[in-house]
C-alpha atoms as a PDB file:
ATOM      1  CA  MET A   1      67.394 109.319  13.487  1.00  0.00           C
ATOM      2  CA  GLU A   2      67.670 105.840  12.066  1.00  0.00           C
ATOM      3  CA  THR A   3      70.914 103.842  12.110  1.00  0.00           C
ATOM      4  CA  LYS A   4      71.795 102.021   8.908  1.00  0.00           C
ATOM      5  CA  THR A   5      74.590  99.552   8.289  1.00  0.00           C
ATOM      6  CA  ALA A   6      77.823 100.107   6.451  1.00  0.00           C
ATOM      7  CA  THR A   7      79.993  97.180   5.453  1.00  0.00           C
ATOM      8  CA  ILE A   8      83.255  96.680   3.628  1.00  0.00           C
ATOM      9  CA  LYS A   9      83.174  94.374   0.619  1.00  0.00           C
ATOM     10  CA  ARG A  10      86.702  93.063   0.117  1.00  0.00           C
ATOM     11  CA  GLN A  11      87.374  91.435  -3.230  1.00  0.00           C
ATOM     12  CA  THR A  12      90.583  90.566  -5.024  1.00  0.00           C
ATOM     13  CA  ASP A  13      90.108  93.158  -7.780  1.00  0.00           C
ATOM     14  CA  GLN A  14      88.497  95.951  -5.733  1.00  0.00           C
ATOM     15  CA  SER A  15      87.114  96.796  -2.311  1.00  0.00           C
ATOM     16  CA  LYS A  16      83.980  98.824  -1.650  1.00  0.00           C
ATOM     17  CA  LEU A  17      82.237 100.564   1.215  1.00  0.00           C
ATOM     18  CA  ALA A  18      78.560  99.555   1.032  1.00  0.00           C
ATOM     19  CA  LEU A  19      76.077 101.911   2.711  1.00  0.00           C
ATOM     20  CA  GLN A  20      72.454 100.904   3.252  1.00  0.00           C
ATOM     21  CA  GLY A  21      70.026 103.831   2.921  1.00  0.00           C
ATOM     22  CA  HIS A  22      66.240 104.244   3.021  1.00  0.00           C
ATOM     23  CA  THR A  23      65.748 103.558  -0.675  1.00  0.00           C
ATOM     24  CA  GLY A  24      68.636 101.230  -1.484  1.00  0.00           C
ATOM     25  CA  SER A  25      72.325 100.666  -1.035  1.00  0.00           C
ATOM     26  CA  PHE A  26      75.211 102.809  -2.194  1.00  0.00           C
ATOM     27  CA  GLU A  27      78.767 101.674  -2.919  1.00  0.00           C
ATOM     28  CA  ILE A  28      81.963 103.687  -2.793  1.00  0.00           C
ATOM     29  CA  ILE A  29      84.893 102.022  -4.515  1.00  0.00           C
ATOM     30  CA  LEU A  30      87.862 102.192  -2.141  1.00  0.00           C
ATOM     31  CA  THR A  31      90.534 100.850  -4.491  1.00  0.00           C
ATOM     32  CA  GLU A  32      90.139 103.459  -7.238  1.00  0.00           C
ATOM     33  CA  ASP A  33      90.906 107.155  -7.321  1.00  0.00           C
ATOM     34  CA  ASN A  34      87.546 108.169  -8.739  1.00  0.00           C
ATOM     35  CA  PRO A  35      86.074 111.357  -7.267  1.00  0.00           C
ATOM     36  CA  ASN A  36      83.059 111.070  -9.596  1.00  0.00           C
ATOM     37  CA  ASN A  37      82.052 107.821  -7.872  1.00  0.00           C
ATOM     38  CA  ILE A  38      82.138 109.558  -4.490  1.00  0.00           C
ATOM     39  CA  LYS A  39      80.197 112.562  -5.824  1.00  0.00           C
ATOM     40  CA  SER A  40      77.577 110.301  -7.368  1.00  0.00           C
ATOM     41  CA  VAL A  41      77.089 108.330  -4.144  1.00  0.00           C
ATOM     42  CA  PHE A  42      76.960 111.530  -2.091  1.00  0.00           C
ATOM     43  CA  ASN A  43      74.238 112.914  -4.392  1.00  0.00           C
ATOM     44  CA  LEU A  44      72.212 109.718  -3.984  1.00  0.00           C
ATOM     45  CA  ILE A  45      72.595 109.943  -0.195  1.00  0.00           C
ATOM     46  CA  LEU A  46      71.386 113.572  -0.329  1.00  0.00           C
ATOM     47  CA  LYS A  47      68.251 112.465  -2.185  1.00  0.00           C
ATOM     48  CA  ASP A  48      67.763 109.702   0.361  1.00  0.00           C
ATOM     49  CA  LEU A  49      67.983 112.187   3.251  1.00  0.00           C
ATOM     50  CA  LYS A  50      64.663 113.652   2.132  1.00  0.00           C
ATOM     51  CA  ASN A  51      63.105 110.464   3.548  1.00  0.00           C
ATOM     52  CA  GLY A  52      64.560 111.028   6.999  1.00  0.00           C
ATOM     53  CA  LEU A  53      67.811 111.505   8.865  1.00  0.00           C
ATOM     54  CA  ILE A  54      70.048 108.462   9.005  1.00  0.00           C
ATOM     55  CA  GLN A  55      73.450 107.672  10.370  1.00  0.00           C
ATOM     56  CA  PHE A  56      75.742 104.886   9.268  1.00  0.00           C
ATOM     57  CA  GLU A  57      77.402 102.397  11.577  1.00  0.00           C
ATOM     58  CA  LEU A  58      80.290 100.275  10.329  1.00  0.00           C
ATOM     59  CA  THR A  59      79.959  96.567  10.986  1.00  0.00           C
ATOM     60  CA  ASP A  60      83.133  94.714  10.128  1.00  0.00           C
ATOM     61  CA  ASP A  61      85.137  91.957  11.770  1.00  0.00           C
ATOM     62  CA  LYS A  62      88.537  92.874  10.367  1.00  0.00           C
ATOM     63  CA  GLU A  63      90.481  95.893  11.636  1.00  0.00           C
ATOM     64  CA  ASP A  64      92.709  96.558   8.637  1.00  0.00           C
ATOM     65  CA  MET A  65      93.526  99.722   6.695  1.00  0.00           C
ATOM     66  CA  TYR A  66      90.108  99.704   4.979  1.00  0.00           C
ATOM     67  CA  TYR A  67      88.351  99.478   8.330  1.00  0.00           C
ATOM     68  CA  HIS A  68      90.139 102.546   9.727  1.00  0.00           C
ATOM     69  CA  ILE A  69      89.649 104.573   6.539  1.00  0.00           C
ATOM     70  CA  CYS A  70      85.957 103.690   6.363  1.00  0.00           C
ATOM     71  CA  LYS A  71      85.407 104.366  10.053  1.00  0.00           C
ATOM     72  CA  GLU A  72      86.802 107.896   9.686  1.00  0.00           C
ATOM     73  CA  TYR A  73      84.908 108.470   6.448  1.00  0.00           C
ATOM     74  CA  ILE A  74      81.621 107.412   8.053  1.00  0.00           C
ATOM     75  CA  LYS A  75      82.274 109.671  11.032  1.00  0.00           C
ATOM     76  CA  GLN A  76      82.656 112.661   8.674  1.00  0.00           C
ATOM     77  CA  LEU A  77      79.711 111.586   6.516  1.00  0.00           C
ATOM     78  CA  ASN A  78      77.402 111.284   9.533  1.00  0.00           C
ATOM     79  CA  ALA A  79      78.332 114.795  10.682  1.00  0.00           C
ATOM     80  CA  GLU A  80      77.716 116.205   7.191  1.00  0.00           C
ATOM     81  CA  MET A  81      74.357 114.440   6.909  1.00  0.00           C
ATOM     82  CA  VAL A  82      73.122 116.025  10.150  1.00  0.00           C
ATOM     83  CA  ALA A  83      74.041 119.499   8.885  1.00  0.00           C
ATOM     84  CA  ILE A  84      72.481 118.877   5.473  1.00  0.00           C
ATOM     85  CA  TYR A  85      69.307 117.402   6.952  1.00  0.00           C
ATOM     86  CA  GLU A  86      68.875 120.495   9.133  1.00  0.00           C
ATOM     87  CA  GLU A  87      69.124 122.625   5.973  1.00  0.00           C
ATOM     88  CA  LEU A  88      66.580 120.417   4.193  1.00  0.00           C
ATOM     89  CA  GLU A  89      64.197 120.865   7.126  1.00  0.00           C
ATOM     90  CA  ARG A  90      64.789 124.603   7.191  1.00  0.00           C
ATOM     91  CA  TYR A  91      63.795 124.900   3.528  1.00  0.00           C
ATOM     92  CA  ASP A  92      60.945 122.391   3.914  1.00  0.00           C
ATOM     93  CA  LEU A  93      62.516 119.880   1.513  1.00  0.00           C
ATOM     94  CA  VAL A  94      61.999 116.713   3.561  1.00  0.00           C
ATOM     95  CA  ALA A  95      59.229 114.212   2.838  1.00  0.00           C
ATOM     96  CA  GLU A  96      56.136 114.880   4.888  1.00  0.00           C
ATOM     97  CA  GLU A  97      55.239 112.402   7.592  1.00  0.00           C
ATOM     98  CA  LYS A  98      51.757 110.910   7.638  1.00  0.00           C
ATOM     99  CA  GLU A  99      50.362 109.832  10.985  1.00  0.00           C
ATOM    100  CA  ASP A 100      48.369 106.616  11.069  1.00  0.00           C
ATOM    101  CA  SER A 101      45.644 107.510  13.557  1.00  0.00           C
ATOM    102  CA  ALA A 102      44.593 103.877  14.071  1.00  0.00           C
ATOM    103  CA  ASN A 103      47.820 102.986  15.861  1.00  0.00           C
ATOM    104  CA  ASN A 104      49.678 106.316  16.211  1.00  0.00           C
ATOM    105  CA  GLN A 105      52.506 105.312  13.888  1.00  0.00           C
ATOM    106  CA  VAL A 106      54.297 107.709  11.627  1.00  0.00           C
ATOM    107  CA  ALA A 107      54.846 106.647   8.027  1.00  0.00           C
ATOM    108  CA  ARG A 108      56.830 108.346   5.289  1.00  0.00           C
ATOM    109  CA  PRO A 109      55.620 108.326   1.685  1.00  0.00           C
ATOM    110  CA  GLU A 110      57.573 106.110  -0.714  1.00  0.00           C
END
């Protein structure tokens, strides 16, 4: 399992939770009540899980309301990703690993 960063982007007009995945970053808008944004990001994370199991770790220097909300959200998201990844493996839906025999490294297709 690979650990990826999660950060909070605080701006005057809106704040976002930024999650770094295998294939890019995903942003959840924290200051809007928009379930479609959350669904869209979750679907992108599901696609990204095919490239390997990840967990997010929040890195933030300010312990405000956003920090505590994001910390709990990430805790739940990490647990869900483990369960979903196990299902992807069970149905053989994860990207196949290729072993580099020259130096015994494992690489995933892009």
